[in-house]
Amino acid sequence: MQIRLGFTTYLMKFFFLSTLILLSVFSASIAVAAPKLISFQTKIYKPDGTPLEASSVQFKFSLMNPLSTCVIYSETFPSVDLSSSSGSVVLALGDPVKAVRSYPASGSMKWYDAFNNTTPTYTCQTTGTFSPTLIDNRRLVMQFNDGGGSGWQTLPPMDINSVPFAMFAELAETVPASGILQGGATPGQVLKWTGTSWAASTDNSNPSGVSNVSSANSYLSVANGGTAPVLTINVGTGTNTVAAGDDARITGAFQSATSLSGDLTGTLPNAVIAAGAVTNAKITSMAFSKLTGIPTTLSGHSITMISSDITTALGYTPGNGSGLVSSVSADTTAGNPITVGGTASAKTINLPKSTVSANGYL
C-alpha cells in the first residue's frame, strides 16, 4: 500500500516547498525476505522555483504518537548529497549504513518496534510516556537542514496507517499458539500428510515405519511382532541356542576359577609360578642378555655372599671374614717348647731360644 501526500506550504526563513511525499511501508513480520525499511521519497524546491541541490543535507525523521506529542523513535541521515539530483530525495528509514539512530540513545530498539501496539509503554524523548491501544496509528515528522543558514525546516506530521498485510498480521496475533502448532491433535497423536492436507493421526500408525518384526533363525525369538515386539535371545547348552557364562561348548579358553598345574599353579585369574619351575636350562644366555647383558670382564661387577650361602659347598662354616684368629692353642707333645699366652682377645706365642740345658729354636 502506498500513501501519497501533497504539500504546498511556507516554512521558516525563505524556503517555499512544493513537496510530494511517497511512503511505502513494508512489513517484515511475515516474510523473512521482506526488507524492514520505510521508503521515503520527496522533491524539494527553493523559493525561486529551482530544485535544492546542496552537496550535504541533513535529514531527521521522528515517529510520534497520534497526537504528535511524544517522539517514540528518531533517526538522522547526517549527510545526503543532493548534487545534480534535481531536488529529488530517496531515503530508506532504518538503513543500517546511512541512518543513525538519535533516539533512544541506547538499547536495541529498531524503527519497526515503534509500531508495536502490544508494547505496554513507550518513554517519550522529552518527557512523559505513551501507552498505545491496539488501533493507534503513528505520525511521521521529517526535518531537513541544507546548511545554507536557514536552519532546520520541518514538514507537518504525516499519518502512517496500516497497510492491508499489516492488518492481517494484527488479526493473526489473536490466533492462539495451540491452533497453529497443535493442529487439532490430541495426546498420543501427530500431524501426518495425507497427500492433500495435514491430519491428526496415531503416532504408531505410520505406514512407512516398521510394521512387523520376525527372526530368521531359532537363536532369536520374537513375540508380538506386529504390534509391540519383544525380542528374546535363546541362551542354553543345546542346539539352536547361544553360549553364555560357563558353557562347556566353549573350548580353547580357560574359564574363571580353573585350577592349573605344572610350571603355573593356583587358580585363574590368580596363577603363580610353581616352586622350582625355573631351572638353569630355562634361563638361556639370550635371556640373560635381555636382562643385563653378558659382561666380558669382572670390572665394575661384584658378587656378594654370606657364609651360609656356601656352607654346603665347603663342608664347613667359614669364618666371619674379619681377618682375626679367633683361637690359638699349643700342642701338648712332650718336649714342645712353644707356649701360648696373653688374653682372650690378644694372644701371644712364645718360641724359646735353644740353650745347653733346654730345648728351643735356633
Protein backbone atom coordinates (compact mmCIF):
# COMPACT_ATOMS: atom_id res chain seq x y z
CA MET A 1 0.00 0.00 0.00
CA GLN A 2 1.28 3.46 -0.86
CA ILE A 3 0.28 6.76 0.73
CA ARG A 4 0.65 9.85 -1.43
CA LEU A 5 0.66 13.18 0.37
CA GLY A 6 0.91 16.54 -1.38
CA PHE A 7 2.10 19.68 0.40
CA THR A 8 2.22 23.29 -0.62
CA THR A 9 3.26 25.32 2.39
CA TYR A 10 5.54 28.08 3.65
CA LEU A 11 8.31 27.12 6.02
CA MET A 12 10.71 29.12 8.12
CA LYS A 13 13.02 31.66 6.56
CA PHE A 14 12.87 31.92 2.78
CA PHE A 15 12.09 28.39 1.68
CA PHE A 16 8.96 27.66 -0.28
CA LEU A 17 8.43 23.96 -0.72
CA SER A 18 6.20 22.11 -3.07
CA THR A 19 6.71 18.60 -1.80
CA LEU A 20 5.24 15.30 -2.89
CA ILE A 21 5.90 12.52 -0.41
CA LEU A 22 5.50 8.85 -1.28
CA LEU A 23 5.55 6.47 1.67
CA SER A 24 5.85 2.74 1.16
CA VAL A 25 5.78 0.65 4.33
CA PHE A 26 6.99 -2.93 4.03
CA SER A 27 6.07 -5.40 6.75
CA ALA A 28 8.76 -7.99 7.50
CA SER A 29 6.81 -9.76 10.22
CA ILE A 30 5.53 -12.49 7.88
CA ALA A 31 8.09 -12.87 5.10
CA VAL A 32 11.67 -13.09 6.24
CA ALA A 33 12.92 -11.84 2.86
CA ALA A 34 10.89 -8.61 3.05
CA PRO A 35 13.02 -5.53 3.87
CA LYS A 36 12.44 -3.93 7.25
CA LEU A 37 12.62 -0.40 5.85
CA ILE A 38 10.37 2.60 5.14
CA SER A 39 10.92 4.12 1.71
CA PHE A 40 10.68 7.94 1.75
CA GLN A 41 10.60 9.93 -1.50
CA THR A 42 10.22 13.68 -1.87
CA LYS A 43 11.27 16.59 -4.07
CA ILE A 44 12.42 19.89 -2.58
CA TYR A 45 12.30 23.26 -4.36
CA LYS A 46 13.77 26.58 -3.33
CA PRO A 47 11.56 29.70 -3.08
CA ASP A 48 12.76 30.76 -6.53
CA GLY A 49 11.41 27.54 -8.03
CA THR A 50 14.76 25.86 -8.58
CA PRO A 51 15.42 22.45 -7.03
CA LEU A 52 17.56 22.09 -3.91
CA GLU A 53 20.91 20.59 -4.95
CA ALA A 54 23.17 21.07 -1.91
CA SER A 55 26.13 18.72 -1.51
CA SER A 56 25.43 17.92 2.15
CA VAL A 57 21.88 17.98 3.51
CA GLN A 58 20.88 16.62 6.91
CA PHE A 59 17.57 14.79 7.32
CA LYS A 60 15.86 13.78 10.54
CA PHE A 61 12.79 11.54 10.84
CA SER A 62 10.73 11.20 14.03
CA LEU A 63 8.00 8.63 14.68
CA MET A 64 5.42 10.05 17.08
CA ASN A 65 2.17 9.13 18.79
CA PRO A 66 -1.18 10.01 17.12
CA LEU A 67 -1.27 13.42 18.85
CA SER A 68 2.30 14.31 17.80
CA THR A 69 3.16 14.95 21.45
CA CYS A 70 5.62 12.09 22.03
CA VAL A 71 8.68 11.18 19.98
CA ILE A 72 8.93 7.38 20.17
CA TYR A 73 11.84 6.89 17.78
CA SER A 74 14.03 9.13 15.64
CA GLU A 75 16.98 8.72 13.32
CA THR A 76 19.19 11.07 11.33
CA PHE A 77 20.85 10.97 7.93
CA PRO A 78 23.86 13.20 8.71
CA SER A 79 24.97 13.95 5.14
CA VAL A 80 22.93 13.35 1.99
CA ASP A 81 24.41 14.55 -1.31
CA LEU A 82 21.72 16.17 -3.48
CA SER A 83 24.14 17.44 -6.11
CA SER A 84 22.63 17.08 -9.61
CA SER A 85 19.55 15.46 -8.02
CA SER A 86 17.03 18.00 -9.34
CA GLY A 87 15.84 18.21 -5.73
CA SER A 88 14.77 14.56 -5.57
CA VAL A 89 15.30 12.74 -2.26
CA VAL A 90 15.01 8.97 -1.86
CA LEU A 91 15.80 7.61 1.61
CA ALA A 92 15.17 4.34 3.45
CA LEU A 93 14.30 4.72 7.11
CA GLY A 94 16.10 2.07 9.10
CA ASP A 95 19.05 1.94 6.67
CA PRO A 96 21.79 0.25 8.75
CA VAL A 97 24.54 2.09 6.83
CA LYS A 98 23.30 5.61 6.18
CA ALA A 99 20.88 6.19 9.06
CA VAL A 100 21.96 6.90 12.65
CA ARG A 101 19.50 6.39 15.48
CA SER A 102 19.24 9.53 17.59
CA TYR A 103 16.52 8.35 20.00
CA PRO A 104 16.54 6.21 22.08
CA ALA A 105 20.21 6.87 22.70
CA SER A 106 20.80 3.32 23.93
CA GLY A 107 19.22 -0.11 23.72
CA SER A 108 18.32 -2.33 20.77
CA MET A 109 15.12 -0.64 19.57
CA LYS A 110 14.53 -0.61 15.79
CA TRP A 111 12.23 1.72 13.84
CA TYR A 112 9.60 -1.00 13.38
CA ASP A 113 9.42 -1.52 17.16
CA ALA A 114 7.72 1.89 17.31
CA PHE A 115 4.67 0.36 15.56
CA ASN A 116 4.14 -2.45 18.06
CA ASN A 117 0.83 -1.69 19.77
CA THR A 118 1.35 -4.55 22.21
CA THR A 119 4.16 -2.58 23.86
CA PRO A 120 2.86 -1.58 27.32
CA THR A 121 4.58 1.81 27.46
CA TYR A 122 6.94 3.93 25.36
CA THR A 123 9.16 6.56 27.01
CA CYS A 124 8.95 9.86 25.16
CA GLN A 125 12.09 11.72 24.09
CA THR A 126 11.31 14.87 26.08
CA THR A 127 9.03 13.88 28.95
CA GLY A 128 6.17 11.54 29.74
CA THR A 129 5.16 8.18 28.32
CA PHE A 130 2.85 6.80 25.65
CA SER A 131 0.75 3.64 26.12
CA PRO A 132 -0.72 2.63 22.75
CA THR A 133 -4.03 0.91 22.11
CA LEU A 134 -4.39 -1.82 19.51
CA ILE A 135 -5.83 0.64 16.94
CA ASP A 136 -3.44 3.58 17.44
CA ASN A 137 -1.58 4.77 14.36
CA ARG A 138 1.71 6.67 14.22
CA ARG A 139 2.78 10.01 12.75
CA LEU A 140 5.99 10.79 10.87
CA VAL A 141 7.74 14.17 11.04
CA MET A 142 10.51 14.96 8.55
CA GLN A 143 13.07 17.75 9.06
CA PHE A 144 15.99 18.83 6.90
CA ASN A 145 18.86 21.31 7.00
CA ASP A 146 20.84 22.24 3.88
CA GLY A 147 23.45 24.23 5.82
CA GLY A 148 22.57 27.42 3.97
CA GLY A 149 21.74 29.44 7.05
CA SER A 150 18.01 28.78 7.18
CA GLY A 151 18.41 26.09 9.85
CA TRP A 152 16.14 23.11 10.26
CA GLN A 153 12.96 23.07 8.19
CA THR A 154 10.09 20.92 9.48
CA LEU A 155 7.24 19.40 7.46
CA PRO A 156 3.84 18.91 9.13
CA PRO A 157 3.26 15.48 10.73
CA MET A 158 2.10 12.78 8.31
CA ASP A 159 -0.18 9.93 9.40
CA ILE A 160 1.13 6.40 8.86
CA ASN A 161 -1.76 3.95 8.74
CA SER A 162 -1.88 0.18 8.47
CA VAL A 163 -1.34 -1.48 5.14
CA PRO A 164 -3.64 -4.46 4.35
CA PHE A 165 -0.99 -7.09 5.13
CA ALA A 166 -0.23 -5.45 8.45
CA MET A 167 -3.93 -5.55 9.38
CA PHE A 168 -3.96 -9.25 8.55
CA ALA A 169 -0.89 -9.75 10.75
CA GLU A 170 -2.72 -8.00 13.60
CA LEU A 171 -5.57 -10.47 13.21
CA ALA A 172 -3.09 -13.36 13.21
CA GLU A 173 -1.83 -12.27 16.62
CA THR A 174 -5.20 -13.28 18.09
CA VAL A 175 -4.77 -16.91 16.98
CA PRO A 176 -3.50 -18.99 19.95
CA ALA A 177 -0.31 -21.00 19.51
CA SER A 178 -2.24 -24.23 20.05
CA GLY A 179 -4.27 -23.52 16.92
CA ILE A 180 -1.10 -23.32 14.85
CA LEU A 181 1.21 -25.83 16.50
CA GLN A 182 -1.23 -28.46 17.76
CA GLY A 183 -3.30 -28.69 14.58
CA GLY A 184 -6.18 -30.46 16.33
CA ALA A 185 -4.02 -33.35 17.53
CA THR A 186 -4.71 -34.91 20.92
CA PRO A 187 -2.17 -36.54 23.29
CA GLY A 188 -0.57 -39.53 21.55
CA GLN A 189 -1.23 -38.15 18.07
CA VAL A 190 0.94 -36.45 15.48
CA LEU A 191 0.25 -34.49 12.30
CA LYS A 192 0.73 -36.54 9.12
CA TRP A 193 0.49 -35.53 5.49
CA THR A 194 -2.29 -37.37 3.67
CA GLY A 195 -1.26 -36.17 0.25
CA THR A 196 -3.60 -33.21 0.26
CA SER A 197 -3.57 -31.90 3.84
CA TRP A 198 -2.24 -32.38 7.35
CA ALA A 199 -4.31 -34.62 9.61
CA ALA A 200 -4.04 -35.78 13.23
CA SER A 201 -3.13 -39.48 13.40
CA THR A 202 -1.98 -42.03 15.95
CA ASP A 203 1.75 -41.82 16.48
CA ASN A 204 2.49 -45.51 15.79
CA SER A 205 0.31 -45.91 12.69
CA ASN A 206 2.76 -44.52 10.17
CA PRO A 207 2.66 -46.92 7.18
CA SER A 208 6.24 -46.05 6.28
CA GLY A 209 7.56 -47.28 9.64
CA VAL A 210 8.34 -50.82 10.92
CA SER A 211 5.13 -52.86 10.75
CA ASN A 212 6.40 -56.35 11.62
CA VAL A 213 9.44 -57.96 13.27
CA SER A 214 10.48 -61.60 12.77
CA SER A 215 13.53 -63.81 13.30
CA ALA A 216 15.39 -65.69 10.57
CA ASN A 217 16.65 -68.45 12.94
CA SER A 218 15.99 -70.06 16.31
CA TYR A 219 18.61 -68.08 18.17
CA LEU A 220 16.24 -65.12 18.46
CA SER A 221 12.57 -65.36 19.48
CA VAL A 222 10.04 -62.63 18.65
CA ALA A 223 6.74 -62.08 20.44
CA ASN A 224 4.04 -59.64 19.27
CA GLY A 225 5.96 -58.95 16.08
CA GLY A 226 3.23 -56.83 14.53
CA THR A 227 2.34 -54.57 17.47
CA ALA A 228 4.85 -54.28 20.31
CA PRO A 229 7.72 -56.66 19.50
CA VAL A 230 9.57 -58.39 22.35
CA LEU A 231 12.94 -59.90 21.37
CA THR A 232 14.48 -62.77 23.37
CA ILE A 233 17.93 -64.34 22.82
CA ASN A 234 17.79 -68.11 23.41
CA VAL A 235 20.67 -68.98 25.75
CA GLY A 236 21.49 -72.60 26.57
CA THR A 237 23.79 -75.55 26.03
CA GLY A 238 21.82 -77.35 23.35
CA THR A 239 21.30 -76.76 19.66
CA ASN A 240 19.80 -73.52 18.36
CA THR A 241 20.99 -71.65 21.44
CA VAL A 242 23.77 -69.19 22.03
CA ALA A 243 26.55 -69.82 24.54
CA ALA A 244 26.90 -67.74 27.65
CA GLY A 245 28.65 -67.99 31.01
CA ASP A 246 30.39 -71.36 31.67
CA ASP A 247 29.03 -73.18 28.62
CA ALA A 248 31.09 -76.37 28.12
CA ARG A 249 30.97 -75.86 24.36
CA ILE A 250 33.47 -73.05 24.71
CA THR A 251 36.88 -74.72 24.12
CA GLY A 252 40.39 -73.41 23.80
CA ALA A 253 39.80 -70.84 26.51
CA PHE A 254 40.16 -71.10 30.27
CA GLN A 255 37.19 -70.28 32.41
CA SER A 256 37.33 -68.41 35.66
CA ALA A 257 38.49 -70.45 38.72
CA THR A 258 40.26 -73.06 36.53
CA SER A 259 42.94 -74.97 38.51
CA LEU A 260 46.44 -75.01 36.99
CA SER A 261 49.39 -77.39 37.38
CA GLY A 262 52.94 -77.64 36.14
CA ASP A 263 55.07 -74.53 35.91
CA LEU A 264 51.96 -72.47 36.84
CA THR A 265 49.90 -73.30 39.88
CA GLY A 266 46.86 -71.93 41.63
CA THR A 267 43.53 -70.95 40.08
CA LEU A 268 42.70 -68.37 37.45
CA PRO A 269 42.91 -65.47 37.40
CA ASN A 270 45.46 -65.58 40.27
CA ALA A 271 48.04 -68.05 38.88
CA VAL A 272 51.63 -68.07 40.24
CA ILE A 273 54.93 -69.68 39.13
CA ALA A 274 55.36 -73.03 40.79
CA ALA A 275 58.32 -73.59 43.13
CA GLY A 276 61.35 -74.96 41.25
CA ALA A 277 59.72 -74.32 37.89
CA VAL A 278 62.53 -72.03 36.78
CA THR A 279 65.64 -74.16 36.16
CA ASN A 280 69.05 -73.39 34.66
CA ALA A 281 68.02 -74.94 31.39
CA LYS A 282 65.13 -72.47 31.13
CA ILE A 283 67.41 -69.48 31.64
CA THR A 284 69.45 -69.14 28.46
CA SER A 285 72.30 -66.77 27.75
CA MET A 286 69.94 -64.93 25.47
CA ALA A 287 67.51 -64.46 28.35
CA PHE A 288 70.36 -63.13 30.50
CA SER A 289 71.43 -60.72 27.76
CA LYS A 290 67.91 -59.38 27.54
CA LEU A 291 68.04 -58.57 31.23
CA THR A 292 71.52 -57.25 31.97
CA GLY A 293 73.93 -58.18 29.18
CA ILE A 294 76.87 -60.59 29.50
CA PRO A 295 80.00 -58.88 30.92
CA THR A 296 83.38 -59.81 29.38
CA THR A 297 85.34 -58.75 32.47
CA LEU A 298 84.60 -58.51 36.16
CA SER A 299 85.44 -54.83 36.20
CA GLY A 300 82.52 -52.99 37.68
CA HIS A 301 80.77 -56.23 38.76
CA SER A 302 80.68 -57.94 42.13
CA ILE A 303 79.01 -60.87 43.85
CA THR A 304 78.05 -60.54 47.50
CA MET A 305 77.50 -63.73 49.54
CA ILE A 306 77.30 -64.67 53.21
CA SER A 307 78.77 -67.74 54.90
CA SER A 308 75.52 -69.67 54.95
CA ASP A 309 75.35 -69.41 51.14
CA ILE A 310 78.42 -71.63 50.69
CA THR A 311 78.40 -73.79 53.85
CA THR A 312 77.27 -76.88 51.99
CA ALA A 313 79.77 -76.40 49.18
CA LEU A 314 82.77 -76.02 51.54
CA GLY A 315 81.78 -78.70 54.04
CA TYR A 316 82.38 -76.33 56.96
CA THR A 317 81.34 -72.93 58.23
CA PRO A 318 83.80 -70.25 57.15
CA GLY A 319 84.98 -67.52 59.45
CA ASN A 320 83.40 -64.18 59.89
CA GLY A 321 85.75 -62.61 57.34
CA SER A 322 87.23 -60.07 59.78
CA GLY A 323 90.86 -61.35 59.32
CA LEU A 324 91.39 -62.15 63.04
CA VAL A 325 92.41 -65.50 64.62
CA SER A 326 89.62 -66.49 66.93
CA SER A 327 91.52 -69.31 68.76
CA VAL A 328 95.21 -70.27 69.43
CA SER A 329 96.48 -73.35 71.34
CA ALA A 330 99.81 -75.17 71.78
CA ASP A 331 100.35 -78.82 71.07
CA THR A 332 100.91 -80.81 74.22
CA THR A 333 103.53 -83.04 72.66
CA ALA A 334 106.33 -83.81 75.13
CA GLY A 335 109.29 -81.63 74.74
CA ASN A 336 107.33 -78.95 72.81
CA PRO A 337 108.77 -75.66 73.96
CA ILE A 338 106.02 -73.46 72.33
CA THR A 339 103.69 -71.76 74.79
CA VAL A 340 100.57 -69.58 74.26
CA GLY A 341 99.94 -66.61 76.48
CA GLY A 342 98.20 -63.30 76.55
CA THR A 343 94.49 -62.61 76.95
CA ALA A 344 91.48 -63.99 75.12
CA SER A 345 91.44 -61.05 72.75
CA ALA A 346 95.25 -60.62 72.48
CA LYS A 347 97.08 -63.95 72.26
CA THR A 348 100.87 -64.32 72.32
CA ILE A 349 103.04 -67.18 71.11
CA ASN A 350 106.38 -67.82 72.84
CA LEU A 351 109.20 -69.52 70.91
CA PRO A 352 112.13 -70.06 73.42
CA LYS A 353 115.67 -69.99 72.24
CA SER A 354 117.61 -73.23 72.42
CA THR A 355 120.22 -73.45 75.22
CA VAL A 356 122.62 -76.09 76.55
CA SER A 357 120.20 -77.07 79.22
CA ALA A 358 116.78 -76.53 77.47
CA ASN A 359 115.09 -77.33 74.23
CA GLY A 360 114.38 -74.38 71.94
CA TYR A 361 114.59 -72.98 68.43
CA LEU A 362 117.60 -71.63 66.67
